[in-house]
């Protein structure tokens, strides 16, 4: 009986938890840094696969080509991307394009930013 109670409590705790994942997106960052992410990863910086580190369901960092990207995902699923280069140069990436499936499962492009 104890096992069933513990299992039920664990399932109830998981039922209310939402799990975000890296969306498919393309972004441009100052300094001619191009970013591409496939849904769920990997992330590419200037065409090269970056090392991805997950901090939690809504925050990731991708490192490669002398750049660290910070990818955060808001509760509504909207991502934001910023970067830091060696020497402390940093900024916010723009021209963010996300690929999201519509209710029929057809992928649509969504632009955000400049």
Protein backbone atom coordinates (compact mmCIF):
# COMPACT_ATOMS: atom_id res chain seq x y z
CA UNK A 1 0.00 0.00 0.00
CA UNK A 2 2.88 2.34 0.82
CA UNK A 3 4.36 1.77 -2.64
CA UNK A 4 1.09 2.68 -4.37
CA UNK A 5 0.77 5.87 -2.30
CA UNK A 6 4.31 6.95 -3.11
CA UNK A 7 3.85 6.16 -6.78
CA UNK A 8 0.57 8.12 -6.89
CA UNK A 9 2.19 11.11 -5.18
CA UNK A 10 5.04 11.06 -7.70
CA UNK A 11 2.69 10.88 -10.68
CA UNK A 12 0.58 13.74 -9.35
CA UNK A 13 3.68 15.90 -8.88
CA UNK A 14 4.78 15.21 -12.45
CA UNK A 15 1.33 15.87 -13.92
CA UNK A 16 1.52 19.61 -13.23
CA UNK A 17 5.04 20.02 -14.57
CA UNK A 18 5.51 21.53 -18.03
CA UNK A 19 8.68 20.65 -19.90
CA UNK A 20 10.02 23.23 -22.35
CA UNK A 21 12.45 22.23 -25.02
CA UNK A 22 14.68 24.14 -27.37
CA UNK A 23 12.52 25.35 -30.26
CA UNK A 24 13.67 25.28 -33.86
CA UNK A 25 14.95 28.78 -34.54
CA UNK A 26 17.34 30.98 -36.49
CA UNK A 27 18.83 34.19 -35.11
CA UNK A 28 21.38 36.83 -36.06
CA UNK A 29 23.67 38.34 -33.47
CA UNK A 30 25.89 41.44 -33.78
CA UNK A 31 29.34 40.66 -35.15
CA UNK A 32 27.92 38.44 -37.91
CA UNK A 33 27.16 35.55 -35.56
CA UNK A 34 24.53 33.23 -36.98
CA UNK A 35 22.57 30.85 -34.78
CA UNK A 36 20.47 27.86 -35.74
CA UNK A 37 18.80 25.43 -33.37
CA UNK A 38 16.91 22.30 -34.23
CA UNK A 39 13.90 21.50 -32.05
CA UNK A 40 15.31 19.83 -28.94
CA UNK A 41 18.90 20.61 -30.04
CA UNK A 42 21.58 20.66 -31.26
CA UNK A 43 22.47 24.35 -31.54
CA UNK A 44 24.80 25.62 -34.28
CA UNK A 45 26.92 28.77 -34.07
CA UNK A 46 28.20 29.94 -37.46
CA UNK A 47 27.39 26.51 -38.89
CA UNK A 48 29.32 24.52 -36.29
CA UNK A 49 27.64 22.39 -33.65
CA UNK A 50 28.00 23.98 -30.21
CA UNK A 51 28.35 22.28 -26.84
CA UNK A 52 24.95 22.55 -25.13
CA UNK A 53 24.45 22.84 -21.38
CA UNK A 54 20.97 22.63 -19.84
CA UNK A 55 20.49 24.54 -16.59
CA UNK A 56 16.75 23.89 -16.34
CA UNK A 57 13.78 23.40 -18.66
CA UNK A 58 13.79 27.09 -19.62
CA UNK A 59 17.47 28.06 -19.79
CA UNK A 60 20.33 26.68 -21.88
CA UNK A 61 23.82 27.80 -22.87
CA UNK A 62 25.54 26.83 -26.09
CA UNK A 63 29.29 27.33 -26.45
CA UNK A 64 31.41 27.23 -29.59
CA UNK A 65 33.40 29.37 -32.04
CA UNK A 66 34.53 31.66 -29.19
CA UNK A 67 30.90 32.51 -28.32
CA UNK A 68 28.54 31.57 -25.50
CA UNK A 69 24.85 31.83 -26.34
CA UNK A 70 22.23 32.13 -23.63
CA UNK A 71 18.87 30.75 -24.68
CA UNK A 72 15.94 31.37 -22.38
CA UNK A 73 12.37 30.29 -23.01
CA UNK A 74 9.48 32.24 -21.50
CA UNK A 75 6.41 30.49 -20.07
CA UNK A 76 4.51 31.09 -23.33
CA UNK A 77 7.29 29.32 -25.28
CA UNK A 78 8.88 32.45 -26.75
CA UNK A 79 12.69 32.15 -26.85
CA UNK A 80 15.23 34.92 -26.40
CA UNK A 81 18.88 34.65 -27.38
CA UNK A 82 21.86 36.70 -26.19
CA UNK A 83 25.58 36.17 -26.64
CA UNK A 84 28.93 36.77 -24.97
CA UNK A 85 32.24 36.64 -26.85
CA UNK A 86 35.74 36.42 -25.48
CA UNK A 87 36.81 39.75 -24.04
CA UNK A 88 33.37 40.46 -22.59
CA UNK A 89 31.68 41.61 -25.80
CA UNK A 90 27.98 40.82 -25.42
CA UNK A 91 24.55 41.68 -26.75
CA UNK A 92 21.09 40.53 -27.71
CA UNK A 93 20.43 38.58 -30.88
CA UNK A 94 17.66 39.67 -33.22
CA UNK A 95 15.87 38.62 -36.38
CA UNK A 96 14.65 35.60 -34.49
CA UNK A 97 12.74 33.17 -36.67
CA UNK A 98 11.01 30.23 -35.06
CA UNK A 99 9.48 27.26 -36.78
CA UNK A 100 6.32 26.20 -34.98
CA UNK A 101 3.74 23.63 -36.01
CA UNK A 102 0.17 24.88 -36.34
CA UNK A 103 -2.77 22.89 -35.02
CA UNK A 104 -2.67 20.69 -38.14
CA UNK A 105 1.01 19.91 -37.55
CA UNK A 106 2.19 22.03 -40.50
CA UNK A 107 5.35 24.01 -39.72
CA UNK A 108 4.93 27.78 -39.98
CA UNK A 109 7.62 30.47 -39.74
CA UNK A 110 7.27 33.12 -37.04
CA UNK A 111 9.52 36.20 -37.08
CA UNK A 112 10.35 38.25 -34.05
CA UNK A 113 12.69 41.22 -33.64
CA UNK A 114 14.36 43.42 -36.24
